[in-house]
Structures are given as C-alpha cells and as structure tokens.
C-alpha cells in the first residue's frame, strides 16, 4: 500500500509548485510590461533573464537576391572601368627635346605601376609623342626614347617587359593643334594604350 501512495503524494506536491511557478512567471511579465509603460521608479525584477528578440533583418540581407548581386557586380565593374580610364587618361609629359622623367612623371608612373601590379592580366603599349618642331625623323627617334624611358621606369617598378610594348608617333598625333608653348607642352608626352 505504501508504493501506491507515493505517486499521489508526489503529484500533490509538484502540482502546486508548477501552478505557483506559472503564476509567478506571468506576474513578472506583467510587471515588466507595466514598468515599460510607466517611468521607471522601481527596480525591475531580475529573477528571470529577459530574452531579447534579434532585430529583424531586411529581406535583402537575410537572403541574397539576384538583383542585389547584379547591383554589386555593376558597381565593381564601374569601379574597374573608372580605374582603367584614369590609368589611360593620365599622360606623362616631357620637357622640350628631352626624354628624362620629371619628379611629377615619376610619381604618376609609380601609381601606374601599382595599377598594373594589381591587374596582372593587362598589357599596355607606351606611345611616344613630340611637338611639331623638328624633323620627322628626329621626332620619331625622340618619341621612341620617351616611350622607352617610361617602359624602363615601369620595369624598375616590377612590371614585366612582356607586358609593355613601345611605339613612337613623333609629331604625327598631336592632342593640341595650336602653335604655342601650351600646345607643344601637351604634345610632348608618353601615352598609354591598353592592349
């Protein structure tokens, strides 16, 4: 008879504890709700840890969307195109009748070398150009020296010779057509063309 009575006694003891615990939990929730509605003048009970809900993520962050990937790829493509355009559009200028690199030209070539190192698939042709003073033969030779000067500086910066070609156009392809010092200075240049 003793064995049959224990489950009933245990149940009679556990049931009130469960009811009391459930009612206490309910009161704690009500107390927290009430304290949120009113200015906090009493300390909030810390007997039960407060479960914080994770902030809702926008649907785009939670699940990658094809449109977001397309936008990201377009942005990367635009960035690469802008870097390439900057690389090609910045010419190296020379003094009259000279193929020596100025300090400014060296700084520009250092940034061009950095671009070429980060884009190892790119090969370029360095074009040598002159102003329209001097003979055609002399200007072709001077343009070649200018292109080679730029090429050798880039090789010294770690760019392989297999990625650099040179050509001279002498005075054949001016970018400024006036016959004044400003135009001649623009035309005395090394220019980059991506192959």
C-alpha atoms as a PDB file:
ATOM      1  CA  UNK A   1       0.000   0.000   0.000  1.00  0.00           C
ATOM      2  CA  UNK A   2       2.904   2.237   0.629  1.00  0.00           C
ATOM      3  CA  UNK A   3       4.069   2.081  -3.010  1.00  0.00           C
ATOM      4  CA  UNK A   4       0.664   3.138  -4.346  1.00  0.00           C
ATOM      5  CA  UNK A   5       0.528   6.268  -2.199  1.00  0.00           C
ATOM      6  CA  UNK A   6       3.848   7.854  -3.175  1.00  0.00           C
ATOM      7  CA  UNK A   7       2.896   8.865  -6.730  1.00  0.00           C
ATOM      8  CA  UNK A   8      -0.219  10.582  -5.452  1.00  0.00           C
ATOM      9  CA  UNK A   9       1.718  12.449  -2.758  1.00  0.00           C
ATOM     10  CA  UNK A  10       4.442  13.446  -5.225  1.00  0.00           C
ATOM     11  CA  UNK A  11       1.821  14.665  -7.669  1.00  0.00           C
ATOM     12  CA  UNK A  12       0.068  16.602  -4.923  1.00  0.00           C
ATOM     13  CA  UNK A  13       3.362  18.339  -4.051  1.00  0.00           C
ATOM     14  CA  UNK A  14       4.541  19.022  -7.613  1.00  0.00           C
ATOM     15  CA  UNK A  15       1.236  20.342  -8.939  1.00  0.00           C
ATOM     16  CA  UNK A  16       1.049  23.385  -6.605  1.00  0.00           C
ATOM     17  CA  UNK A  17       4.717  24.209  -7.307  1.00  0.00           C
ATOM     18  CA  UNK A  18       4.035  24.154 -11.066  1.00  0.00           C
ATOM     19  CA  UNK A  19       0.957  26.354 -10.676  1.00  0.00           C
ATOM     20  CA  UNK A  20       2.867  28.764  -8.433  1.00  0.00           C
ATOM     21  CA  UNK A  21       5.779  28.921 -10.897  1.00  0.00           C
ATOM     22  CA  UNK A  22       3.480  29.553 -13.849  1.00  0.00           C
ATOM     23  CA  UNK A  23       1.623  32.295 -11.990  1.00  0.00           C
ATOM     24  CA  UNK A  24       4.926  33.920 -10.911  1.00  0.00           C
ATOM     25  CA  UNK A  25       6.211  33.961 -14.448  1.00  0.00           C
ATOM     26  CA  UNK A  26       3.020  35.620 -15.570  1.00  0.00           C
ATOM     27  CA  UNK A  27       3.346  38.295 -12.912  1.00  0.00           C
ATOM     28  CA  UNK A  28       6.957  39.031 -13.884  1.00  0.00           C
ATOM     29  CA  UNK A  29       5.895  39.566 -17.487  1.00  0.00           C
ATOM     30  CA  UNK A  30       3.052  41.813 -16.363  1.00  0.00           C
ATOM     31  CA  UNK A  31       5.384  43.745 -14.095  1.00  0.00           C
ATOM     32  CA  UNK A  32       7.838  44.315 -16.920  1.00  0.00           C
ATOM     33  CA  UNK A  33       5.098  45.449 -19.257  1.00  0.00           C
ATOM     34  CA  UNK A  34       3.789  47.851 -16.643  1.00  0.00           C
ATOM     35  CA  UNK A  35       7.258  49.265 -15.966  1.00  0.00           C
ATOM     36  CA  UNK A  36       7.809  49.856 -19.648  1.00  0.00           C
ATOM     37  CA  UNK A  37       4.573  51.838 -19.869  1.00  0.00           C
ATOM     38  CA  UNK A  38       5.370  53.980 -16.812  1.00  0.00           C
ATOM     39  CA  UNK A  39       8.509  55.857 -15.907  1.00  0.00           C
ATOM     40  CA  UNK A  40      10.832  53.507 -14.112  1.00  0.00           C
ATOM     41  CA  UNK A  41      10.661  54.295 -10.414  1.00  0.00           C
ATOM     42  CA  UNK A  42      11.069  50.780  -9.046  1.00  0.00           C
ATOM     43  CA  UNK A  43      13.837  48.349  -9.880  1.00  0.00           C
ATOM     44  CA  UNK A  44      12.772  45.647 -12.310  1.00  0.00           C
ATOM     45  CA  UNK A  45      12.919  42.109 -11.028  1.00  0.00           C
ATOM     46  CA  UNK A  46      15.924  40.229 -12.365  1.00  0.00           C
ATOM     47  CA  UNK A  47      14.887  36.787 -11.207  1.00  0.00           C
ATOM     48  CA  UNK A  48      14.330  35.597 -14.767  1.00  0.00           C
ATOM     49  CA  UNK A  49      16.577  36.561 -17.640  1.00  0.00           C
ATOM     50  CA  UNK A  50      14.991  38.754 -20.235  1.00  0.00           C
ATOM     51  CA  UNK A  51      15.044  37.220 -23.678  1.00  0.00           C
ATOM     52  CA  UNK A  52      15.832  39.790 -26.314  1.00  0.00           C
ATOM     53  CA  UNK A  53      14.452  39.309 -29.763  1.00  0.00           C
ATOM     54  CA  UNK A  54      17.006  39.683 -32.541  1.00  0.00           C
ATOM     55  CA  UNK A  55      16.277  42.712 -34.704  1.00  0.00           C
ATOM     56  CA  UNK A  56      14.549  41.876 -37.930  1.00  0.00           C
ATOM     57  CA  UNK A  57      16.901  41.931 -40.882  1.00  0.00           C
ATOM     58  CA  UNK A  58      15.749  43.348 -44.139  1.00  0.00           C
ATOM     59  CA  UNK A  59      14.854  40.606 -46.568  1.00  0.00           C
ATOM     60  CA  UNK A  60      17.805  41.593 -48.789  1.00  0.00           C
ATOM     61  CA  UNK A  61      20.318  40.844 -46.011  1.00  0.00           C
ATOM     62  CA  UNK A  62      18.696  37.624 -44.895  1.00  0.00           C
ATOM     63  CA  UNK A  63      18.570  36.087 -48.344  1.00  0.00           C
ATOM     64  CA  UNK A  64      20.812  37.207 -51.209  1.00  0.00           C
ATOM     65  CA  UNK A  65      18.768  38.440 -54.099  1.00  0.00           C
ATOM     66  CA  UNK A  66      19.768  38.241 -57.737  1.00  0.00           C
ATOM     67  CA  UNK A  67      19.142  41.967 -58.094  1.00  0.00           C
ATOM     68  CA  UNK A  68      21.478  42.817 -55.227  1.00  0.00           C
ATOM     69  CA  UNK A  69      24.196  40.655 -56.720  1.00  0.00           C
ATOM     70  CA  UNK A  70      23.674  42.382 -60.060  1.00  0.00           C
ATOM     71  CA  UNK A  71      23.974  45.805 -58.409  1.00  0.00           C
ATOM     72  CA  UNK A  72      27.168  44.728 -56.637  1.00  0.00           C
ATOM     73  CA  UNK A  73      28.667  43.401 -59.861  1.00  0.00           C
ATOM     74  CA  UNK A  74      27.761  46.585 -61.727  1.00  0.00           C
ATOM     75  CA  UNK A  75      29.382  48.691 -59.007  1.00  0.00           C
ATOM     76  CA  UNK A  76      32.570  46.599 -59.175  1.00  0.00           C
ATOM     77  CA  UNK A  77      32.575  46.840 -62.961  1.00  0.00           C
ATOM     78  CA  UNK A  78      32.107  50.615 -62.825  1.00  0.00           C
ATOM     79  CA  UNK A  79      34.956  50.894 -60.310  1.00  0.00           C
ATOM     80  CA  UNK A  80      37.278  48.833 -62.540  1.00  0.00           C
ATOM     81  CA  UNK A  81      36.307  50.909 -65.567  1.00  0.00           C
ATOM     82  CA  UNK A  82      36.967  54.171 -63.685  1.00  0.00           C
ATOM     83  CA  UNK A  83      40.412  52.917 -62.597  1.00  0.00           C
ATOM     84  CA  UNK A  84      41.232  51.850 -66.144  1.00  0.00           C
ATOM     85  CA  UNK A  85      40.058  55.190 -67.547  1.00  0.00           C
ATOM     86  CA  UNK A  86      42.218  57.059 -65.011  1.00  0.00           C
ATOM     87  CA  UNK A  87      45.184  54.860 -65.903  1.00  0.00           C
ATOM     88  CA  UNK A  88      44.839  55.504 -69.647  1.00  0.00           C
ATOM     89  CA  UNK A  89      43.911  59.187 -69.495  1.00  0.00           C
ATOM     90  CA  UNK A  90      46.880  60.418 -67.441  1.00  0.00           C
ATOM     91  CA  UNK A  91      49.808  61.131 -69.758  1.00  0.00           C
ATOM     92  CA  UNK A  92      53.478  61.535 -68.908  1.00  0.00           C
ATOM     93  CA  UNK A  93      54.821  64.906 -70.069  1.00  0.00           C
ATOM     94  CA  UNK A  94      58.377  65.798 -71.029  1.00  0.00           C
ATOM     95  CA  UNK A  95      60.454  68.948 -71.294  1.00  0.00           C
ATOM     96  CA  UNK A  96      61.413  70.273 -74.721  1.00  0.00           C
ATOM     97  CA  UNK A  97      63.830  67.980 -76.595  1.00  0.00           C
ATOM     98  CA  UNK A  98      64.091  65.611 -73.600  1.00  0.00           C
ATOM     99  CA  UNK A  99      63.247  62.053 -72.660  1.00  0.00           C
ATOM    100  CA  UNK A 100      64.120  62.472 -68.968  1.00  0.00           C
ATOM    101  CA  UNK A 101      61.358  61.834 -66.438  1.00  0.00           C
ATOM    102  CA  UNK A 102      60.432  64.701 -64.122  1.00  0.00           C
ATOM    103  CA  UNK A 103      59.599  64.118 -60.444  1.00  0.00           C
ATOM    104  CA  UNK A 104      55.908  64.521 -61.258  1.00  0.00           C
ATOM    105  CA  UNK A 105      56.212  61.981 -64.094  1.00  0.00           C
ATOM    106  CA  UNK A 106      57.868  59.512 -61.708  1.00  0.00           C
ATOM    107  CA  UNK A 107      55.065  59.905 -59.169  1.00  0.00           C
ATOM    108  CA  UNK A 108      52.488  59.307 -61.884  1.00  0.00           C
ATOM    109  CA  UNK A 109      54.363  56.241 -63.097  1.00  0.00           C
ATOM    110  CA  UNK A 110      54.555  54.837 -59.561  1.00  0.00           C
ATOM    111  CA  UNK A 111      50.748  54.913 -59.368  1.00  0.00           C
ATOM    112  CA  UNK A 112      50.522  53.391 -62.857  1.00  0.00           C
ATOM    113  CA  UNK A 113      52.879  50.595 -61.792  1.00  0.00           C
ATOM    114  CA  UNK A 114      50.678  49.931 -58.759  1.00  0.00           C
ATOM    115  CA  UNK A 115      47.646  49.670 -61.036  1.00  0.00           C
ATOM    116  CA  UNK A 116      49.485  47.254 -63.337  1.00  0.00           C
ATOM    117  CA  UNK A 117      50.599  45.101 -60.380  1.00  0.00           C
ATOM    118  CA  UNK A 118      47.007  44.789 -59.150  1.00  0.00           C
ATOM    119  CA  UNK A 119      45.808  43.971 -62.699  1.00  0.00           C
ATOM    120  CA  UNK A 120      48.359  41.410 -63.936  1.00  0.00           C
ATOM    121  CA  UNK A 121      46.265  40.469 -66.969  1.00  0.00           C
ATOM    122  CA  UNK A 122      46.685  43.915 -68.545  1.00  0.00           C
ATOM    123  CA  UNK A 123      49.337  44.628 -71.151  1.00  0.00           C
ATOM    124  CA  UNK A 124      49.975  48.121 -72.490  1.00  0.00           C
ATOM    125  CA  UNK A 125      51.628  49.956 -75.325  1.00  0.00           C
ATOM    126  CA  UNK A 126      53.514  53.107 -74.373  1.00  0.00           C
ATOM    127  CA  UNK A 127      53.284  55.627 -77.193  1.00  0.00           C
ATOM    128  CA  UNK A 128      55.969  58.296 -77.513  1.00  0.00           C
ATOM    129  CA  UNK A 129      54.850  61.680 -78.908  1.00  0.00           C
ATOM    130  CA  UNK A 130      56.537  65.010 -79.720  1.00  0.00           C
ATOM    131  CA  UNK A 131      55.544  68.543 -80.625  1.00  0.00           C
ATOM    132  CA  UNK A 132      55.705  69.588 -84.281  1.00  0.00           C
ATOM    133  CA  UNK A 133      59.084  71.314 -84.050  1.00  0.00           C
ATOM    134  CA  UNK A 134      61.994  69.357 -85.525  1.00  0.00           C
ATOM    135  CA  UNK A 135      62.214  66.969 -88.442  1.00  0.00           C
ATOM    136  CA  UNK A 136      60.017  63.941 -88.750  1.00  0.00           C
ATOM    137  CA  UNK A 137      62.988  61.570 -88.372  1.00  0.00           C
ATOM    138  CA  UNK A 138      64.246  63.371 -85.266  1.00  0.00           C
ATOM    139  CA  UNK A 139      60.775  63.404 -83.673  1.00  0.00           C
ATOM    140  CA  UNK A 140      60.244  59.674 -84.307  1.00  0.00           C
ATOM    141  CA  UNK A 141      63.576  58.947 -82.568  1.00  0.00           C
ATOM    142  CA  UNK A 142      62.750  61.296 -79.664  1.00  0.00           C
ATOM    143  CA  UNK A 143      59.285  59.742 -79.261  1.00  0.00           C
ATOM    144  CA  UNK A 144      60.906  56.289 -79.106  1.00  0.00           C
ATOM    145  CA  UNK A 145      63.337  57.450 -76.395  1.00  0.00           C
ATOM    146  CA  UNK A 146      60.404  58.849 -74.388  1.00  0.00           C
ATOM    147  CA  UNK A 147      58.417  55.621 -74.656  1.00  0.00           C
ATOM    148  CA  UNK A 148      61.477  53.553 -73.691  1.00  0.00           C
ATOM    149  CA  UNK A 149      62.195  55.842 -70.731  1.00  0.00           C
ATOM    150  CA  UNK A 150      58.685  55.215 -69.400  1.00  0.00           C
ATOM    151  CA  UNK A 151      58.924  51.474 -70.076  1.00  0.00           C
ATOM    152  CA  UNK A 152      62.242  51.145 -68.223  1.00  0.00           C
ATOM    153  CA  UNK A 153      60.884  53.021 -65.214  1.00  0.00           C
ATOM    154  CA  UNK A 154      57.917  50.618 -65.058  1.00  0.00           C
ATOM    155  CA  UNK A 155      60.261  47.622 -65.401  1.00  0.00           C
ATOM    156  CA  UNK A 156      62.255  49.002 -62.454  1.00  0.00           C
ATOM    157  CA  UNK A 157      58.932  49.083 -60.534  1.00  0.00           C
ATOM    158  CA  UNK A 158      58.470  45.341 -61.115  1.00  0.00           C
ATOM    159  CA  UNK A 159      56.343  45.271 -64.273  1.00  0.00           C
ATOM    160  CA  UNK A 160      57.422  42.545 -66.712  1.00  0.00           C
ATOM    161  CA  UNK A 161      58.774  43.572 -70.104  1.00  0.00           C
ATOM    162  CA  UNK A 162      56.361  41.084 -71.691  1.00  0.00           C
ATOM    163  CA  UNK A 163      53.512  43.370 -70.605  1.00  0.00           C
ATOM    164  CA  UNK A 164      54.985  46.574 -72.066  1.00  0.00           C
ATOM    165  CA  UNK A 165      55.328  47.487 -75.729  1.00  0.00           C
ATOM    166  CA  UNK A 166      56.559  50.793 -77.138  1.00  0.00           C
ATOM    167  CA  UNK A 167      55.856  52.728 -80.299  1.00  0.00           C
ATOM    168  CA  UNK A 168      56.761  56.226 -81.461  1.00  0.00           C
ATOM    169  CA  UNK A 169      54.472  58.510 -83.427  1.00  0.00           C
ATOM    170  CA  UNK A 170      56.741  61.543 -83.326  1.00  0.00           C
ATOM    171  CA  UNK A 171      54.616  64.604 -84.121  1.00  0.00           C
ATOM    172  CA  UNK A 172      52.011  62.656 -86.141  1.00  0.00           C
ATOM    173  CA  UNK A 173      49.275  62.535 -83.472  1.00  0.00           C
ATOM    174  CA  UNK A 174      49.037  65.843 -81.609  1.00  0.00           C
ATOM    175  CA  UNK A 175      46.329  66.338 -78.984  1.00  0.00           C
ATOM    176  CA  UNK A 176      46.674  70.128 -79.107  1.00  0.00           C
ATOM    177  CA  UNK A 177      46.830  71.788 -82.528  1.00  0.00           C
ATOM    178  CA  UNK A 178      47.827  75.373 -81.710  1.00  0.00           C
ATOM    179  CA  UNK A 179      51.379  76.588 -82.322  1.00  0.00           C
ATOM    180  CA  UNK A 180      52.161  77.888 -78.841  1.00  0.00           C
ATOM    181  CA  UNK A 181      54.079  76.673 -75.812  1.00  0.00           C
ATOM    182  CA  UNK A 182      50.980  75.317 -74.008  1.00  0.00           C
ATOM    183  CA  UNK A 183      50.026  73.167 -77.010  1.00  0.00           C
ATOM    184  CA  UNK A 184      53.596  71.981 -77.568  1.00  0.00           C
ATOM    185  CA  UNK A 185      53.847  71.006 -73.889  1.00  0.00           C
ATOM    186  CA  UNK A 186      50.655  68.919 -74.182  1.00  0.00           C
ATOM    187  CA  UNK A 187      52.022  67.124 -77.240  1.00  0.00           C
ATOM    188  CA  UNK A 188      55.393  66.196 -75.649  1.00  0.00           C
ATOM    189  CA  UNK A 189      54.098  63.088 -73.944  1.00  0.00           C
ATOM    190  CA  UNK A 190      54.055  59.356 -73.410  1.00  0.00           C
ATOM    191  CA  UNK A 191      50.570  57.945 -73.647  1.00  0.00           C
ATOM    192  CA  UNK A 192      49.220  54.545 -72.590  1.00  0.00           C
ATOM    193  CA  UNK A 193      47.027  52.257 -74.660  1.00  0.00           C
ATOM    194  CA  UNK A 194      45.684  49.034 -73.132  1.00  0.00           C
ATOM    195  CA  UNK A 195      46.114  46.082 -75.485  1.00  0.00           C
END
